[in-house]
């Protein structure tokens, strides 16, 4: 039996792109497709498993998680690794609709 969960875009900030948070935290930010709430989860995959695709380092396998607001399951895929402010600007231009939901 195979389950299909709604998918959403995830962003994992590191280095210069993560200056606004504690450096010990390594989280994936996403927006729930069910309720529209912004949420985050701990990143599980090693950074070495990310692959360069479409101009960004991405985890195309993604992860299944639960929204903390509505308690519904969802799949965060792809998870895009952003390292600096320039990558955030490029990401915003490419994924403008999804990026507006994930940005602060």
C-alpha atoms as a PDB file:
ATOM      1  CA  UNK A   1       0.000   0.000   0.000  1.00  0.00           C
ATOM      2  CA  UNK A   2       1.489   3.290  -1.078  1.00  0.00           C
ATOM      3  CA  UNK A   3       0.408   6.564   0.497  1.00  0.00           C
ATOM      4  CA  UNK A   4       0.394   9.865  -1.341  1.00  0.00           C
ATOM      5  CA  UNK A   5       0.944  12.967   0.768  1.00  0.00           C
ATOM      6  CA  UNK A   6       0.538  16.555  -0.449  1.00  0.00           C
ATOM      7  CA  UNK A   7       3.933  18.005  -1.374  1.00  0.00           C
ATOM      8  CA  UNK A   8       5.441  21.332  -0.442  1.00  0.00           C
ATOM      9  CA  UNK A   9       8.747  23.082  -1.013  1.00  0.00           C
ATOM     10  CA  UNK A  10      11.328  23.108   1.792  1.00  0.00           C
ATOM     11  CA  UNK A  11      14.213  25.504   2.379  1.00  0.00           C
ATOM     12  CA  UNK A  12      17.298  24.684   4.454  1.00  0.00           C
ATOM     13  CA  UNK A  13      19.465  27.729   5.190  1.00  0.00           C
ATOM     14  CA  UNK A  14      23.143  27.395   6.113  1.00  0.00           C
ATOM     15  CA  UNK A  15      26.115  29.709   6.393  1.00  0.00           C
ATOM     16  CA  UNK A  16      25.483  33.348   5.515  1.00  0.00           C
ATOM     17  CA  UNK A  17      21.807  32.724   4.753  1.00  0.00           C
ATOM     18  CA  UNK A  18      21.229  31.606   8.360  1.00  0.00           C
ATOM     19  CA  UNK A  19      22.636  34.595  10.228  1.00  0.00           C
ATOM     20  CA  UNK A  20      19.275  35.411  11.835  1.00  0.00           C
ATOM     21  CA  UNK A  21      19.109  32.195  13.877  1.00  0.00           C
ATOM     22  CA  UNK A  22      21.159  30.147  16.306  1.00  0.00           C
ATOM     23  CA  UNK A  23      23.984  28.368  14.430  1.00  0.00           C
ATOM     24  CA  UNK A  24      23.269  25.141  16.350  1.00  0.00           C
ATOM     25  CA  UNK A  25      19.815  24.869  14.785  1.00  0.00           C
ATOM     26  CA  UNK A  26      19.645  23.102  11.440  1.00  0.00           C
ATOM     27  CA  UNK A  27      16.051  23.272  10.259  1.00  0.00           C
ATOM     28  CA  UNK A  28      13.989  22.894   7.097  1.00  0.00           C
ATOM     29  CA  UNK A  29      11.348  25.608   6.660  1.00  0.00           C
ATOM     30  CA  UNK A  30       8.134  24.928   4.755  1.00  0.00           C
ATOM     31  CA  UNK A  31       4.511  26.032   4.388  1.00  0.00           C
ATOM     32  CA  UNK A  32       1.760  23.497   5.073  1.00  0.00           C
ATOM     33  CA  UNK A  33      -0.405  22.882   1.975  1.00  0.00           C
ATOM     34  CA  UNK A  34      -3.384  22.008   4.215  1.00  0.00           C
ATOM     35  CA  UNK A  35      -3.644  25.031   6.510  1.00  0.00           C
ATOM     36  CA  UNK A  36      -1.093  27.499   5.068  1.00  0.00           C
ATOM     37  CA  UNK A  37       0.857  27.783   8.326  1.00  0.00           C
ATOM     38  CA  UNK A  38       4.611  28.301   8.215  1.00  0.00           C
ATOM     39  CA  UNK A  39       6.431  25.532  10.021  1.00  0.00           C
ATOM     40  CA  UNK A  40       9.871  24.009  10.415  1.00  0.00           C
ATOM     41  CA  UNK A  41      11.413  20.677  11.248  1.00  0.00           C
ATOM     42  CA  UNK A  42      14.866  19.434  12.112  1.00  0.00           C
ATOM     43  CA  UNK A  43      16.924  18.563   9.064  1.00  0.00           C
ATOM     44  CA  UNK A  44      17.707  14.848   8.993  1.00  0.00           C
ATOM     45  CA  UNK A  45      19.750  14.301   5.862  1.00  0.00           C
ATOM     46  CA  UNK A  46      23.455  14.978   5.610  1.00  0.00           C
ATOM     47  CA  UNK A  47      24.473  17.924   3.447  1.00  0.00           C
ATOM     48  CA  UNK A  48      26.672  15.609   1.394  1.00  0.00           C
ATOM     49  CA  UNK A  49      23.542  13.842   0.082  1.00  0.00           C
ATOM     50  CA  UNK A  50      22.276  16.988  -1.642  1.00  0.00           C
ATOM     51  CA  UNK A  51      22.809  17.096  -5.415  1.00  0.00           C
ATOM     52  CA  UNK A  52      23.267  20.049  -7.749  1.00  0.00           C
ATOM     53  CA  UNK A  53      20.057  20.254  -9.798  1.00  0.00           C
ATOM     54  CA  UNK A  54      18.525  23.215 -11.648  1.00  0.00           C
ATOM     55  CA  UNK A  55      21.139  25.611 -10.291  1.00  0.00           C
ATOM     56  CA  UNK A  56      20.700  24.743  -6.597  1.00  0.00           C
ATOM     57  CA  UNK A  57      21.792  22.039  -4.172  1.00  0.00           C
ATOM     58  CA  UNK A  58      18.639  19.983  -3.663  1.00  0.00           C
ATOM     59  CA  UNK A  59      17.449  16.910  -1.833  1.00  0.00           C
ATOM     60  CA  UNK A  60      15.024  15.404  -4.338  1.00  0.00           C
ATOM     61  CA  UNK A  61      13.986  12.501  -2.077  1.00  0.00           C
ATOM     62  CA  UNK A  62      12.499  14.813   0.526  1.00  0.00           C
ATOM     63  CA  UNK A  63      11.045  13.886   3.896  1.00  0.00           C
ATOM     64  CA  UNK A  64       7.606  13.115   5.305  1.00  0.00           C
ATOM     65  CA  UNK A  65       6.570  15.181   8.320  1.00  0.00           C
ATOM     66  CA  UNK A  66       3.546  16.381  10.260  1.00  0.00           C
ATOM     67  CA  UNK A  67       2.364  20.000  10.408  1.00  0.00           C
ATOM     68  CA  UNK A  68       2.448  21.272  13.984  1.00  0.00           C
ATOM     69  CA  UNK A  69      -0.661  23.424  13.403  1.00  0.00           C
ATOM     70  CA  UNK A  70      -3.173  21.080  11.758  1.00  0.00           C
ATOM     71  CA  UNK A  71      -1.492  17.706  12.527  1.00  0.00           C
ATOM     72  CA  UNK A  72      -1.795  16.569   8.896  1.00  0.00           C
ATOM     73  CA  UNK A  73       0.984  14.593   7.200  1.00  0.00           C
ATOM     74  CA  UNK A  74       2.801  16.087   4.241  1.00  0.00           C
ATOM     75  CA  UNK A  75       5.880  15.516   2.146  1.00  0.00           C
ATOM     76  CA  UNK A  76       8.576  18.203   1.993  1.00  0.00           C
ATOM     77  CA  UNK A  77      10.179  17.785  -1.430  1.00  0.00           C
ATOM     78  CA  UNK A  78      12.431  19.180  -2.823  1.00  0.00           C
ATOM     79  CA  UNK A  79      14.474  20.546   0.051  1.00  0.00           C
ATOM     80  CA  UNK A  80      16.694  23.299  -1.313  1.00  0.00           C
ATOM     81  CA  UNK A  81      19.946  24.180   0.455  1.00  0.00           C
ATOM     82  CA  UNK A  82      20.707  27.930   0.467  1.00  0.00           C
ATOM     83  CA  UNK A  83      24.135  29.064   1.668  1.00  0.00           C
ATOM     84  CA  UNK A  84      24.299  32.826   1.143  1.00  0.00           C
ATOM     85  CA  UNK A  85      22.253  35.936   0.347  1.00  0.00           C
ATOM     86  CA  UNK A  86      22.959  35.668  -3.393  1.00  0.00           C
ATOM     87  CA  UNK A  87      21.498  32.157  -3.512  1.00  0.00           C
ATOM     88  CA  UNK A  88      18.431  33.425  -1.646  1.00  0.00           C
ATOM     89  CA  UNK A  89      17.924  36.125  -4.302  1.00  0.00           C
ATOM     90  CA  UNK A  90      18.323  33.621  -7.158  1.00  0.00           C
ATOM     91  CA  UNK A  91      15.963  31.213  -5.411  1.00  0.00           C
ATOM     92  CA  UNK A  92      13.424  34.012  -4.995  1.00  0.00           C
ATOM     93  CA  UNK A  93      13.546  34.743  -8.718  1.00  0.00           C
ATOM     94  CA  UNK A  94      13.131  31.104  -9.782  1.00  0.00           C
ATOM     95  CA  UNK A  95      10.545  30.012  -7.214  1.00  0.00           C
ATOM     96  CA  UNK A  96       8.795  33.364  -6.712  1.00  0.00           C
ATOM     97  CA  UNK A  97       5.348  31.952  -5.817  1.00  0.00           C
ATOM     98  CA  UNK A  98       6.585  29.328  -3.358  1.00  0.00           C
ATOM     99  CA  UNK A  99       9.392  31.515  -2.005  1.00  0.00           C
ATOM    100  CA  UNK A 100       6.961  34.262  -0.921  1.00  0.00           C
ATOM    101  CA  UNK A 101       5.309  31.754   1.409  1.00  0.00           C
ATOM    102  CA  UNK A 102       8.549  30.484   2.933  1.00  0.00           C
ATOM    103  CA  UNK A 103      10.395  33.789   3.399  1.00  0.00           C
ATOM    104  CA  UNK A 104      10.125  35.702   6.631  1.00  0.00           C
END
